């Protein structure tokens, strides 16, 4: 597949494939087991989809902050983001 039109690297393509797989998985999960809105550590009532969106948005901010404020490897920010997403999905 020619991805040069957008100057994609394998890491970038992988990132968007993972996001697409997460959305497909969440859709299947919702069809199999409909979600009930609940209240967790976040200060609002959320569904699974809301928590996924909040987790992905927070992960983007973590990465942007990491790149802008540190000189360390971006992989550390990725590990922090995955942990953040897990916490939000589980207890959010």
N, C-alpha and C. Protein backbone atom coordinates (compact mmCIF):
# COMPACT_ATOMS: atom_id res chain seq x y z
N UNK A 1 0.85 -1.17 0.00
CA UNK A 1 0.00 0.00 0.00
C UNK A 1 0.91 1.24 0.00
N UNK A 2 0.63 2.15 -0.88
CA UNK A 2 1.44 3.36 -1.00
C UNK A 2 0.89 4.45 -0.08
N UNK A 3 1.61 4.72 1.00
CA UNK A 3 1.20 5.75 1.95
C UNK A 3 2.05 7.02 1.84
N UNK A 4 2.83 7.14 0.77
CA UNK A 4 3.72 8.29 0.62
C UNK A 4 2.97 9.60 0.41
N UNK A 5 1.74 9.57 -0.06
CA UNK A 5 0.99 10.79 -0.31
C UNK A 5 0.81 11.61 0.96
N UNK A 6 0.91 10.97 2.11
CA UNK A 6 0.74 11.68 3.36
C UNK A 6 1.99 11.59 4.24
N UNK A 7 3.08 11.10 3.65
CA UNK A 7 4.36 10.97 4.35
C UNK A 7 4.20 10.18 5.65
N UNK A 8 3.45 9.10 5.61
CA UNK A 8 3.23 8.26 6.79
C UNK A 8 4.46 7.40 7.03
N UNK A 9 4.79 7.26 8.26
CA UNK A 9 5.81 6.31 8.66
C UNK A 9 5.09 5.05 9.13
N UNK A 10 5.80 3.95 9.26
CA UNK A 10 5.15 2.75 9.77
C UNK A 10 4.56 2.95 11.18
N UNK A 11 5.22 3.75 12.00
CA UNK A 11 4.71 4.02 13.35
C UNK A 11 3.39 4.78 13.29
N UNK A 12 3.31 5.79 12.41
CA UNK A 12 2.09 6.56 12.27
C UNK A 12 0.95 5.68 11.75
N UNK A 13 1.25 4.88 10.75
CA UNK A 13 0.22 3.97 10.21
C UNK A 13 -0.23 2.99 11.28
N UNK A 14 0.71 2.47 12.06
CA UNK A 14 0.38 1.57 13.15
C UNK A 14 -0.51 2.22 14.18
N UNK A 15 -0.21 3.47 14.52
CA UNK A 15 -1.01 4.22 15.48
C UNK A 15 -2.46 4.31 15.02
N UNK A 16 -2.68 4.70 13.78
CA UNK A 16 -4.04 4.84 13.29
C UNK A 16 -4.74 3.49 13.13
N UNK A 17 -3.98 2.44 12.83
CA UNK A 17 -4.57 1.10 12.78
C UNK A 17 -5.04 0.67 14.16
N UNK A 18 -4.24 0.96 15.19
CA UNK A 18 -4.63 0.62 16.56
C UNK A 18 -5.89 1.39 16.95
N UNK A 19 -5.97 2.67 16.60
CA UNK A 19 -7.18 3.46 16.90
C UNK A 19 -8.39 2.85 16.20
N UNK A 20 -8.23 2.48 14.92
CA UNK A 20 -9.34 1.87 14.18
C UNK A 20 -9.76 0.55 14.82
N UNK A 21 -8.78 -0.27 15.22
CA UNK A 21 -9.11 -1.54 15.88
C UNK A 21 -9.81 -1.31 17.21
N UNK A 22 -9.41 -0.28 17.96
CA UNK A 22 -10.08 0.05 19.22
C UNK A 22 -11.53 0.42 18.97
N UNK A 23 -11.78 1.23 17.95
CA UNK A 23 -13.15 1.63 17.63
C UNK A 23 -14.00 0.44 17.18
N UNK A 24 -13.42 -0.43 16.38
CA UNK A 24 -14.15 -1.63 15.94
C UNK A 24 -14.44 -2.52 17.15
N UNK A 25 -13.44 -2.71 18.01
CA UNK A 25 -13.64 -3.52 19.21
C UNK A 25 -14.70 -2.94 20.13
N UNK A 26 -14.69 -1.62 20.30
CA UNK A 26 -15.69 -0.98 21.16
C UNK A 26 -17.09 -1.12 20.55
N UNK A 27 -17.20 -1.05 19.24
CA UNK A 27 -18.50 -1.21 18.58
C UNK A 27 -19.03 -2.62 18.78
N UNK A 28 -18.17 -3.62 18.60
CA UNK A 28 -18.59 -5.01 18.81
C UNK A 28 -18.98 -5.22 20.27
N UNK A 29 -18.18 -4.69 21.19
CA UNK A 29 -18.46 -4.82 22.63
C UNK A 29 -19.82 -4.20 22.97
N UNK A 30 -20.12 -3.04 22.38
CA UNK A 30 -21.39 -2.35 22.65
C UNK A 30 -22.57 -3.15 22.10
N UNK A 31 -22.40 -3.78 20.93
CA UNK A 31 -23.48 -4.59 20.36
C UNK A 31 -23.72 -5.83 21.21
N UNK A 32 -22.64 -6.48 21.64
CA UNK A 32 -22.76 -7.71 22.44
C UNK A 32 -23.25 -7.42 23.85
N UNK A 33 -22.73 -6.35 24.46
CA UNK A 33 -23.07 -6.02 25.85
C UNK A 33 -23.32 -4.52 25.97
N UNK A 34 -24.57 -4.07 25.79
CA UNK A 34 -24.86 -2.64 25.85
C UNK A 34 -24.39 -2.02 27.18
N UNK A 35 -23.87 -0.82 27.06
CA UNK A 35 -23.28 -0.12 28.21
C UNK A 35 -24.33 0.65 29.00
N UNK A 36 -24.12 0.70 30.29
CA UNK A 36 -24.93 1.52 31.19
C UNK A 36 -24.04 2.65 31.68
N UNK A 37 -24.53 3.87 31.59
CA UNK A 37 -23.74 5.01 32.05
C UNK A 37 -23.47 4.87 33.55
N UNK A 38 -22.25 5.22 33.95
CA UNK A 38 -21.89 5.13 35.37
C UNK A 38 -20.99 6.30 35.74
N UNK A 39 -20.83 6.43 37.04
CA UNK A 39 -19.99 7.50 37.56
C UNK A 39 -18.80 6.89 38.28
N UNK A 40 -17.59 7.31 37.89
CA UNK A 40 -16.37 6.81 38.50
C UNK A 40 -15.57 7.96 39.07
N UNK A 41 -14.26 7.93 38.87
CA UNK A 41 -13.41 9.01 39.38
C UNK A 41 -13.53 10.28 38.57
N UNK A 42 -14.02 10.17 37.35
CA UNK A 42 -14.24 11.39 36.56
C UNK A 42 -15.47 12.11 37.11
N UNK A 43 -15.45 13.44 37.04
CA UNK A 43 -16.55 14.20 37.65
C UNK A 43 -17.82 14.28 36.78
N UNK A 44 -18.09 13.22 36.00
CA UNK A 44 -19.30 13.19 35.20
C UNK A 44 -19.70 11.74 34.95
N UNK A 45 -20.93 11.56 34.57
CA UNK A 45 -21.44 10.24 34.24
C UNK A 45 -21.00 9.91 32.83
N UNK A 46 -20.38 8.72 32.64
CA UNK A 46 -19.83 8.38 31.33
C UNK A 46 -20.22 6.97 30.91
N UNK A 47 -20.17 6.75 29.61
CA UNK A 47 -20.31 5.41 29.04
C UNK A 47 -18.92 4.96 28.62
N UNK A 48 -18.82 3.72 28.13
CA UNK A 48 -17.51 3.21 27.66
C UNK A 48 -16.95 4.08 26.55
N UNK A 49 -17.80 4.48 25.62
CA UNK A 49 -17.35 5.31 24.51
C UNK A 49 -16.85 6.67 24.98
N UNK A 50 -17.54 7.25 25.95
CA UNK A 50 -17.09 8.53 26.53
C UNK A 50 -15.71 8.38 27.15
N UNK A 51 -15.53 7.29 27.91
CA UNK A 51 -14.24 7.07 28.58
C UNK A 51 -13.13 6.82 27.56
N UNK A 52 -13.44 6.12 26.47
CA UNK A 52 -12.44 5.92 25.42
C UNK A 52 -12.04 7.25 24.81
N UNK A 53 -13.02 8.09 24.49
CA UNK A 53 -12.74 9.39 23.91
C UNK A 53 -11.91 10.25 24.86
N UNK A 54 -12.28 10.29 26.13
CA UNK A 54 -11.54 11.07 27.13
C UNK A 54 -10.12 10.53 27.27
N UNK A 55 -9.99 9.20 27.27
CA UNK A 55 -8.67 8.59 27.37
C UNK A 55 -7.79 8.91 26.18
N UNK A 56 -8.34 8.85 24.97
CA UNK A 56 -7.56 9.17 23.78
C UNK A 56 -7.19 10.64 23.73
N UNK A 57 -8.13 11.50 24.11
CA UNK A 57 -7.84 12.94 24.14
C UNK A 57 -6.76 13.25 25.18
N UNK A 58 -6.88 12.66 26.36
CA UNK A 58 -5.86 12.86 27.39
C UNK A 58 -4.51 12.34 26.95
N UNK A 59 -4.49 11.21 26.26
CA UNK A 59 -3.23 10.65 25.75
C UNK A 59 -2.58 11.58 24.73
N UNK A 60 -3.39 12.20 23.90
CA UNK A 60 -2.84 13.17 22.94
C UNK A 60 -2.20 14.35 23.68
N UNK A 61 -2.86 14.85 24.71
CA UNK A 61 -2.29 15.95 25.49
C UNK A 61 -1.02 15.52 26.23
N UNK A 62 -1.00 14.29 26.72
CA UNK A 62 0.21 13.79 27.36
C UNK A 62 1.38 13.79 26.38
N UNK A 63 1.14 13.30 25.17
CA UNK A 63 2.20 13.27 24.17
C UNK A 63 2.65 14.68 23.77
N UNK A 64 1.69 15.57 23.54
CA UNK A 64 2.07 16.94 23.16
C UNK A 64 2.86 17.62 24.26
N UNK A 65 2.44 17.44 25.49
CA UNK A 65 3.17 18.03 26.62
C UNK A 65 4.56 17.42 26.73
N UNK A 66 4.64 16.12 26.56
CA UNK A 66 5.92 15.42 26.68
C UNK A 66 6.90 15.94 25.63
N UNK A 67 6.44 16.03 24.39
CA UNK A 67 7.31 16.51 23.31
C UNK A 67 7.71 17.96 23.52
N UNK A 68 6.77 18.77 24.00
CA UNK A 68 7.05 20.19 24.18
C UNK A 68 7.89 20.52 25.40
N UNK A 69 7.82 19.69 26.44
CA UNK A 69 8.47 20.06 27.71
C UNK A 69 9.69 19.22 28.07
N UNK A 70 9.92 18.10 27.38
CA UNK A 70 11.05 17.26 27.74
C UNK A 70 11.87 16.90 26.50
N UNK A 71 13.04 16.34 26.76
CA UNK A 71 13.88 15.82 25.68
C UNK A 71 14.00 14.31 25.75
N UNK A 72 13.19 13.68 26.58
CA UNK A 72 13.24 12.23 26.73
C UNK A 72 12.54 11.55 25.57
N UNK A 73 12.71 10.25 25.49
CA UNK A 73 12.11 9.45 24.43
C UNK A 73 10.59 9.52 24.49
N UNK A 74 9.97 9.57 23.33
CA UNK A 74 8.51 9.63 23.25
C UNK A 74 7.88 8.31 23.67
N UNK A 75 8.66 7.24 23.70
CA UNK A 75 8.14 5.94 24.13
C UNK A 75 7.74 5.98 25.59
N UNK A 76 8.40 6.79 26.39
CA UNK A 76 8.01 6.93 27.79
C UNK A 76 6.62 7.55 27.87
N UNK A 77 6.35 8.55 27.04
CA UNK A 77 5.02 9.17 26.99
C UNK A 77 3.98 8.16 26.53
N UNK A 78 4.37 7.27 25.64
CA UNK A 78 3.44 6.24 25.17
C UNK A 78 3.05 5.30 26.31
N UNK A 79 4.03 4.90 27.10
CA UNK A 79 3.74 4.02 28.25
C UNK A 79 2.83 4.74 29.24
N UNK A 80 3.11 6.03 29.51
CA UNK A 80 2.27 6.81 30.42
C UNK A 80 0.85 6.92 29.86
N UNK A 81 0.75 7.14 28.55
CA UNK A 81 -0.56 7.28 27.91
C UNK A 81 -1.37 5.99 27.97
N UNK A 82 -0.71 4.86 27.75
CA UNK A 82 -1.42 3.58 27.82
C UNK A 82 -1.92 3.35 29.24
N UNK A 83 -1.08 3.64 30.23
CA UNK A 83 -1.51 3.51 31.63
C UNK A 83 -2.67 4.44 31.93
N UNK A 84 -2.61 5.67 31.43
CA UNK A 84 -3.70 6.63 31.62
C UNK A 84 -4.99 6.11 31.01
N UNK A 85 -4.89 5.58 29.79
CA UNK A 85 -6.08 5.06 29.11
C UNK A 85 -6.67 3.88 29.87
N UNK A 86 -5.84 2.99 30.38
CA UNK A 86 -6.33 1.86 31.16
C UNK A 86 -7.04 2.34 32.42
N UNK A 87 -6.46 3.30 33.12
CA UNK A 87 -7.08 3.83 34.35
C UNK A 87 -8.42 4.48 34.04
N UNK A 88 -8.48 5.29 32.98
CA UNK A 88 -9.73 5.96 32.63
C UNK A 88 -10.80 4.95 32.22
N UNK A 89 -10.41 3.94 31.43
CA UNK A 89 -11.38 2.94 31.00
C UNK A 89 -11.87 2.09 32.16
N UNK A 90 -11.01 1.80 33.12
CA UNK A 90 -11.38 0.91 34.22
C UNK A 90 -12.13 1.65 35.33
N UNK A 91 -11.58 2.78 35.78
CA UNK A 91 -12.13 3.47 36.95
C UNK A 91 -12.74 4.82 36.63
N UNK A 92 -12.72 5.24 35.36
CA UNK A 92 -13.25 6.55 35.00
C UNK A 92 -14.72 6.54 35.03
